[in-house]
């Protein structure tokens, strides 16, 4: 199931990037905070519920997903990076995991296992001292 994010629902704010970079980092705001309100979005209700249920520090108490992108020196590149990461999160939440149903071993496999144990026990018993 593929769910596309409407870029108009994402609020971008330019911030100053952290880390090395000298004067350029100190004067240019090229990092991006992308804020995506999960509750007010046009996503299907199941995907919204899975996104809100994710134990992720990027989801706030109000249900806003905040992604910080600062890999590039370009504001536009950082916006694209934030959108791609947001889309990856939504795609991950859109996948319904299959429920694991526990199975029991068959009677024949149980019998084979016990026969093998008996055989290995007999082999070990024959390793003992030889009595005359």
N, C-alpha and C. Protein backbone atom coordinates (compact mmCIF):
# COMPACT_ATOMS: atom_id res chain seq x y z
N UNK A 1 0.85 -1.18 0.00
CA UNK A 1 0.00 0.00 0.00
C UNK A 1 0.89 1.24 0.00
N UNK A 2 0.74 2.07 -1.02
CA UNK A 2 1.54 3.28 -1.11
C UNK A 2 0.64 4.48 -0.83
N UNK A 3 1.08 5.30 0.10
CA UNK A 3 0.35 6.51 0.47
C UNK A 3 1.27 7.69 0.22
N UNK A 4 0.85 8.59 -0.64
CA UNK A 4 1.67 9.75 -0.96
C UNK A 4 1.35 10.89 -0.01
N UNK A 5 2.38 11.62 0.38
CA UNK A 5 2.22 12.77 1.26
C UNK A 5 2.00 14.00 0.41
N UNK A 6 1.03 14.80 0.81
CA UNK A 6 0.80 16.08 0.14
C UNK A 6 1.82 17.08 0.69
N UNK A 7 2.72 17.61 -0.14
CA UNK A 7 3.74 18.55 0.37
C UNK A 7 3.15 19.81 0.99
N UNK A 8 1.88 20.14 0.64
CA UNK A 8 1.26 21.34 1.21
C UNK A 8 0.92 21.14 2.69
N UNK A 9 0.87 19.88 3.15
CA UNK A 9 0.54 19.59 4.55
C UNK A 9 1.78 19.63 5.44
N UNK A 10 2.96 19.82 4.85
CA UNK A 10 4.20 19.85 5.61
C UNK A 10 4.64 21.30 5.76
N UNK A 11 4.89 21.70 7.00
CA UNK A 11 5.35 23.07 7.27
C UNK A 11 6.87 23.05 7.45
N UNK A 12 7.56 23.83 6.63
CA UNK A 12 9.01 23.89 6.70
C UNK A 12 9.43 25.19 7.39
N UNK A 13 10.45 25.09 8.23
CA UNK A 13 11.04 26.29 8.82
C UNK A 13 12.55 26.14 8.74
N UNK A 14 13.20 27.19 8.26
CA UNK A 14 14.65 27.18 8.10
C UNK A 14 15.30 27.52 9.43
N UNK A 15 16.29 26.73 9.80
CA UNK A 15 17.03 26.96 11.05
C UNK A 15 18.51 26.89 10.74
N UNK A 16 19.31 27.28 11.69
CA UNK A 16 20.76 27.20 11.50
C UNK A 16 21.23 25.80 11.80
N UNK A 17 22.09 25.28 10.96
CA UNK A 17 22.60 23.92 11.12
C UNK A 17 23.62 23.87 12.23
N UNK A 18 23.78 22.66 12.79
CA UNK A 18 24.78 22.44 13.82
C UNK A 18 26.03 21.87 13.19
N UNK A 19 27.09 21.82 13.96
CA UNK A 19 28.31 21.17 13.50
C UNK A 19 29.28 22.12 12.85
N UNK A 20 30.35 21.54 12.26
CA UNK A 20 31.39 22.36 11.66
C UNK A 20 30.92 23.05 10.39
N UNK A 21 31.60 24.09 10.01
CA UNK A 21 31.26 24.81 8.80
C UNK A 21 31.71 26.25 8.86
N UNK A 22 32.21 26.68 10.01
CA UNK A 22 32.77 28.03 10.11
C UNK A 22 31.71 29.11 10.04
N UNK A 23 32.07 30.21 9.40
CA UNK A 23 31.18 31.37 9.35
C UNK A 23 29.89 31.07 8.59
N UNK A 24 29.97 30.18 7.61
CA UNK A 24 28.78 29.88 6.82
C UNK A 24 27.67 29.32 7.70
N UNK A 25 28.03 28.45 8.65
CA UNK A 25 27.03 27.87 9.54
C UNK A 25 26.44 28.95 10.45
N UNK A 26 27.28 29.90 10.84
CA UNK A 26 26.84 30.92 11.78
C UNK A 26 25.91 31.96 11.16
N UNK A 27 25.95 32.13 9.85
CA UNK A 27 25.17 33.21 9.26
C UNK A 27 24.07 32.74 8.30
N UNK A 28 24.08 31.48 7.87
CA UNK A 28 23.12 31.01 6.88
C UNK A 28 22.21 29.95 7.51
N UNK A 29 20.92 30.13 7.35
CA UNK A 29 19.96 29.14 7.86
C UNK A 29 19.60 28.19 6.74
N UNK A 30 20.33 27.07 6.67
CA UNK A 30 20.06 26.15 5.57
C UNK A 30 19.52 24.81 6.06
N UNK A 31 19.50 24.56 7.36
CA UNK A 31 18.88 23.34 7.88
C UNK A 31 17.37 23.55 7.91
N UNK A 32 16.63 22.43 7.96
CA UNK A 32 15.17 22.50 7.84
C UNK A 32 14.53 21.69 8.95
N UNK A 33 13.50 22.26 9.58
CA UNK A 33 12.58 21.52 10.42
C UNK A 33 11.32 21.30 9.61
N UNK A 34 10.97 20.05 9.36
CA UNK A 34 9.73 19.73 8.66
C UNK A 34 8.73 19.27 9.69
N UNK A 35 7.60 19.96 9.80
CA UNK A 35 6.55 19.62 10.77
C UNK A 35 5.35 19.09 10.01
N UNK A 36 4.92 17.88 10.40
CA UNK A 36 3.80 17.22 9.73
C UNK A 36 2.78 16.86 10.79
N UNK A 37 1.62 17.51 10.75
CA UNK A 37 0.55 17.23 11.71
C UNK A 37 -0.18 15.97 11.26
N UNK A 38 0.01 14.90 12.01
CA UNK A 38 -0.55 13.60 11.62
C UNK A 38 -2.07 13.62 11.68
N UNK A 39 -2.62 14.21 12.73
CA UNK A 39 -4.07 14.21 12.91
C UNK A 39 -4.80 15.01 11.84
N UNK A 40 -4.23 16.12 11.39
CA UNK A 40 -4.88 16.99 10.41
C UNK A 40 -4.53 16.63 8.98
N UNK A 41 -3.78 15.56 8.78
CA UNK A 41 -3.34 15.22 7.42
C UNK A 41 -4.43 14.45 6.68
N UNK A 42 -4.20 14.24 5.39
CA UNK A 42 -5.17 13.53 4.55
C UNK A 42 -4.82 12.05 4.43
N UNK A 43 -4.03 11.53 5.35
CA UNK A 43 -3.67 10.11 5.33
C UNK A 43 -4.85 9.27 5.77
N UNK A 44 -4.89 8.00 5.37
CA UNK A 44 -5.95 7.11 5.87
C UNK A 44 -5.86 6.94 7.39
N UNK A 45 -6.99 6.67 8.01
CA UNK A 45 -7.05 6.60 9.47
C UNK A 45 -6.15 5.50 10.03
N UNK A 46 -6.01 4.37 9.32
CA UNK A 46 -5.16 3.27 9.81
C UNK A 46 -3.70 3.71 9.85
N UNK A 47 -3.27 4.42 8.82
CA UNK A 47 -1.87 4.88 8.75
C UNK A 47 -1.63 5.92 9.83
N UNK A 48 -2.61 6.81 10.05
CA UNK A 48 -2.48 7.81 11.11
C UNK A 48 -2.31 7.12 12.46
N UNK A 49 -3.13 6.12 12.71
CA UNK A 49 -3.07 5.42 14.00
C UNK A 49 -1.72 4.74 14.19
N UNK A 50 -1.20 4.12 13.12
CA UNK A 50 0.11 3.45 13.23
C UNK A 50 1.24 4.45 13.43
N UNK A 51 1.15 5.61 12.78
CA UNK A 51 2.17 6.65 12.96
C UNK A 51 2.16 7.18 14.39
N UNK A 52 0.96 7.40 14.92
CA UNK A 52 0.86 7.90 16.29
C UNK A 52 1.28 6.85 17.31
N UNK A 53 1.10 5.57 16.98
CA UNK A 53 1.45 4.51 17.91
C UNK A 53 2.94 4.19 17.90
N UNK A 54 3.66 4.69 16.90
CA UNK A 54 5.10 4.43 16.83
C UNK A 54 5.79 5.07 18.02
N UNK A 55 6.69 4.31 18.62
CA UNK A 55 7.47 4.86 19.74
C UNK A 55 8.67 5.59 19.15
N UNK A 56 8.42 6.80 18.71
CA UNK A 56 9.46 7.58 18.05
C UNK A 56 9.55 8.94 18.73
N UNK A 57 10.74 9.36 19.03
CA UNK A 57 10.94 10.64 19.72
C UNK A 57 10.57 11.83 18.82
N UNK A 58 10.47 11.60 17.53
CA UNK A 58 10.16 12.69 16.61
C UNK A 58 8.68 13.04 16.60
N UNK A 59 7.84 12.18 17.19
CA UNK A 59 6.40 12.46 17.27
C UNK A 59 6.14 13.14 18.61
N UNK A 60 5.58 14.36 18.56
CA UNK A 60 5.34 15.11 19.79
C UNK A 60 4.05 14.65 20.45
N UNK A 61 3.78 15.19 21.65
CA UNK A 61 2.56 14.85 22.39
C UNK A 61 1.31 15.28 21.62
N UNK A 62 1.43 16.35 20.83
CA UNK A 62 0.28 16.85 20.06
C UNK A 62 0.05 16.08 18.77
N UNK A 63 0.92 15.12 18.46
CA UNK A 63 0.77 14.34 17.25
C UNK A 63 1.40 14.99 16.03
N UNK A 64 2.44 15.77 16.25
CA UNK A 64 3.15 16.42 15.15
C UNK A 64 4.49 15.71 14.98
N UNK A 65 4.76 15.29 13.77
CA UNK A 65 6.02 14.62 13.45
C UNK A 65 7.02 15.68 13.00
N UNK A 66 8.16 15.77 13.70
CA UNK A 66 9.18 16.78 13.41
C UNK A 66 10.43 16.08 12.90
N UNK A 67 10.85 16.46 11.69
CA UNK A 67 12.05 15.89 11.09
C UNK A 67 13.03 17.03 10.83
N UNK A 68 14.27 16.82 11.28
CA UNK A 68 15.31 17.83 11.08
C UNK A 68 16.26 17.33 10.02
N UNK A 69 16.47 18.12 8.98
CA UNK A 69 17.37 17.76 7.88
C UNK A 69 18.45 18.83 7.77
N UNK A 70 19.73 18.39 7.87
CA UNK A 70 20.83 19.35 7.79
C UNK A 70 22.05 18.74 7.11
N UNK A 71 21.83 17.74 6.26
CA UNK A 71 22.94 17.07 5.60
C UNK A 71 23.61 17.95 4.56
N UNK A 72 22.80 18.70 3.84
CA UNK A 72 23.32 19.48 2.71
C UNK A 72 23.50 20.94 3.10
N UNK A 73 24.25 21.67 2.29
CA UNK A 73 24.40 23.11 2.49
C UNK A 73 23.27 23.87 1.82
N UNK A 74 22.48 23.17 1.02
CA UNK A 74 21.40 23.80 0.28
C UNK A 74 20.07 23.62 1.02
N UNK A 75 19.31 24.69 1.13
CA UNK A 75 18.00 24.63 1.79
C UNK A 75 17.06 23.72 1.03
N UNK A 76 17.07 23.81 -0.30
CA UNK A 76 16.18 22.98 -1.11
C UNK A 76 16.51 21.50 -1.00
N UNK A 77 17.81 21.19 -0.98
CA UNK A 77 18.22 19.78 -0.82
C UNK A 77 17.76 19.23 0.53
N UNK A 78 17.87 20.06 1.57
CA UNK A 78 17.44 19.63 2.89
C UNK A 78 15.92 19.44 2.95
N UNK A 79 15.18 20.29 2.23
CA UNK A 79 13.72 20.10 2.17
C UNK A 79 13.38 18.78 1.49
N UNK A 80 14.07 18.49 0.38
CA UNK A 80 13.82 17.22 -0.32
C UNK A 80 14.19 16.03 0.57
N UNK A 81 15.29 16.15 1.29
CA UNK A 81 15.71 15.08 2.18
C UNK A 81 14.68 14.85 3.28
N UNK A 82 14.15 15.93 3.85
CA UNK A 82 13.14 15.80 4.90
C UNK A 82 11.87 15.16 4.35
N UNK A 83 11.46 15.56 3.15
CA UNK A 83 10.26 14.96 2.53
C UNK A 83 10.47 13.47 2.26
N UNK A 84 11.65 13.10 1.78
CA UNK A 84 11.92 11.68 1.52
C UNK A 84 11.90 10.86 2.80
N UNK A 85 12.48 11.40 3.86
CA UNK A 85 12.48 10.68 5.13
C UNK A 85 11.08 10.56 5.71
N UNK A 86 10.29 11.61 5.54
CA UNK A 86 8.89 11.57 5.99
C UNK A 86 8.11 10.54 5.19
N UNK A 87 8.33 10.51 3.89
CA UNK A 87 7.65 9.53 3.04
C UNK A 87 8.05 8.11 3.42
N UNK A 88 9.32 7.91 3.77
CA UNK A 88 9.77 6.58 4.19
C UNK A 88 9.08 6.15 5.48
N UNK A 89 8.90 7.08 6.41
CA UNK A 89 8.19 6.76 7.66
C UNK A 89 6.73 6.40 7.39
N UNK A 90 6.09 7.16 6.50
CA UNK A 90 4.69 6.88 6.18
C UNK A 90 4.57 5.54 5.46
N UNK A 91 5.51 5.25 4.55
CA UNK A 91 5.49 3.96 3.86
C UNK A 91 5.66 2.80 4.84
N UNK A 92 6.52 3.00 5.82
CA UNK A 92 6.73 1.96 6.83
C UNK A 92 5.46 1.75 7.65
N UNK A 93 4.76 2.84 7.96
CA UNK A 93 3.53 2.74 8.74
C UNK A 93 2.38 2.18 7.91
N UNK A 94 2.46 2.29 6.58
CA UNK A 94 1.37 1.82 5.74
C UNK A 94 1.39 0.30 5.56
N UNK A 95 2.53 -0.34 5.85
CA UNK A 95 2.64 -1.78 5.69
C UNK A 95 2.01 -2.47 6.89
N UNK A 96 1.08 -3.38 6.61
CA UNK A 96 0.43 -4.14 7.67
C UNK A 96 1.24 -5.41 7.89
N UNK A 97 1.74 -5.57 9.10
CA UNK A 97 2.53 -6.75 9.40
C UNK A 97 1.62 -7.95 9.58
N UNK A 98 2.05 -9.08 9.03
CA UNK A 98 1.26 -10.29 9.17
C UNK A 98 1.43 -10.86 10.58
N UNK A 99 0.34 -11.36 11.11
CA UNK A 99 0.36 -11.91 12.46
C UNK A 99 0.95 -13.30 12.42
N UNK A 100 1.91 -13.56 13.30
CA UNK A 100 2.53 -14.88 13.34
C UNK A 100 1.62 -15.83 14.08
N UNK A 101 1.32 -16.94 13.42
CA UNK A 101 0.50 -17.97 14.04
C UNK A 101 1.42 -19.11 14.46
N UNK A 102 1.49 -19.40 15.75
CA UNK A 102 2.40 -20.46 16.20
C UNK A 102 1.93 -21.83 15.71
N UNK A 103 2.89 -22.65 15.32
CA UNK A 103 2.58 -23.99 14.84
C UNK A 103 3.19 -25.01 15.79
N UNK A 104 2.64 -26.22 15.75
CA UNK A 104 3.15 -27.28 16.60
C UNK A 104 3.91 -28.28 15.73
N UNK A 105 4.94 -28.93 16.29
CA UNK A 105 5.66 -29.92 15.50
C UNK A 105 4.78 -31.13 15.24
N UNK A 106 4.98 -31.75 14.08
CA UNK A 106 4.18 -32.93 13.73
C UNK A 106 4.61 -34.12 14.58
N UNK A 107 3.75 -35.11 14.67
CA UNK A 107 4.07 -36.30 15.47
C UNK A 107 5.27 -37.04 14.88
N UNK A 108 5.36 -37.08 13.55
CA UNK A 108 6.49 -37.77 12.91
C UNK A 108 7.81 -37.06 13.23
N UNK A 109 7.81 -35.71 13.24
CA UNK A 109 9.04 -34.99 13.55
C UNK A 109 9.42 -35.20 15.02
N UNK A 110 8.43 -35.27 15.90
CA UNK A 110 8.73 -35.56 17.31
C UNK A 110 9.35 -36.96 17.44
N UNK A 111 8.79 -37.94 16.72
CA UNK A 111 9.31 -39.31 16.79
C UNK A 111 10.74 -39.38 16.24
N UNK A 112 11.01 -38.68 15.13
CA UNK A 112 12.37 -38.65 14.57
C UNK A 112 13.35 -38.04 15.56
N UNK A 113 12.94 -36.95 16.23
CA UNK A 113 13.82 -36.31 17.21
C UNK A 113 14.12 -37.26 18.37
N UNK A 114 13.12 -37.94 18.89
CA UNK A 114 13.34 -38.85 20.00
C UNK A 114 14.18 -40.06 19.59
N UNK A 115 13.97 -40.55 18.34
CA UNK A 115 14.78 -41.67 17.85
C UNK A 115 16.25 -41.26 17.74
N UNK A 116 16.49 -40.05 17.26
CA UNK A 116 17.87 -39.57 17.14
C UNK A 116 18.50 -39.42 18.51
N UNK A 117 17.73 -38.95 19.49
CA UNK A 117 18.27 -38.84 20.85
C UNK A 117 18.62 -40.22 21.40
N UNK A 118 17.76 -41.21 21.15
CA UNK A 118 18.02 -42.57 21.64
C UNK A 118 19.28 -43.14 20.99
N UNK A 119 19.40 -42.92 19.67
CA UNK A 119 20.57 -43.42 18.95
C UNK A 119 21.85 -42.80 19.48
N UNK A 120 21.85 -41.48 19.68
CA UNK A 120 23.07 -40.84 20.17
C UNK A 120 23.37 -41.29 21.60
N UNK A 121 22.34 -41.54 22.40
CA UNK A 121 22.56 -42.06 23.75
C UNK A 121 23.18 -43.44 23.73
N UNK A 122 22.74 -44.30 22.80
CA UNK A 122 23.31 -45.65 22.69
C UNK A 122 24.78 -45.59 22.25
N UNK A 123 25.07 -44.69 21.33
CA UNK A 123 26.45 -44.55 20.87
C UNK A 123 27.33 -44.12 22.03
N UNK A 124 26.85 -43.19 22.86
CA UNK A 124 27.64 -42.73 23.99
C UNK A 124 27.79 -43.83 25.04
N UNK A 125 26.76 -44.66 25.20
CA UNK A 125 26.84 -45.76 26.17
C UNK A 125 27.87 -46.80 25.74
N UNK A 126 28.06 -46.99 24.43
CA UNK A 126 29.04 -47.96 23.92
C UNK A 126 30.47 -47.46 24.06
N UNK A 127 30.67 -46.19 24.40
CA UNK A 127 32.02 -45.65 24.55
C UNK A 127 32.63 -46.03 25.90
N UNK A 128 31.86 -46.63 26.77
CA UNK A 128 32.37 -46.95 28.11
C UNK A 128 33.44 -48.01 28.09
N UNK A 129 33.91 -48.38 29.29
CA UNK A 129 34.96 -49.39 29.43
C UNK A 129 34.44 -50.76 29.00
N UNK A 130 35.33 -51.53 28.44
CA UNK A 130 34.99 -52.88 28.00
C UNK A 130 35.21 -53.82 29.18
N UNK A 131 34.16 -54.57 29.51
CA UNK A 131 34.29 -55.53 30.64
C UNK A 131 34.53 -56.93 30.09
N UNK A 132 35.49 -57.68 30.69
CA UNK A 132 35.81 -59.03 30.21
C UNK A 132 34.97 -60.08 30.86
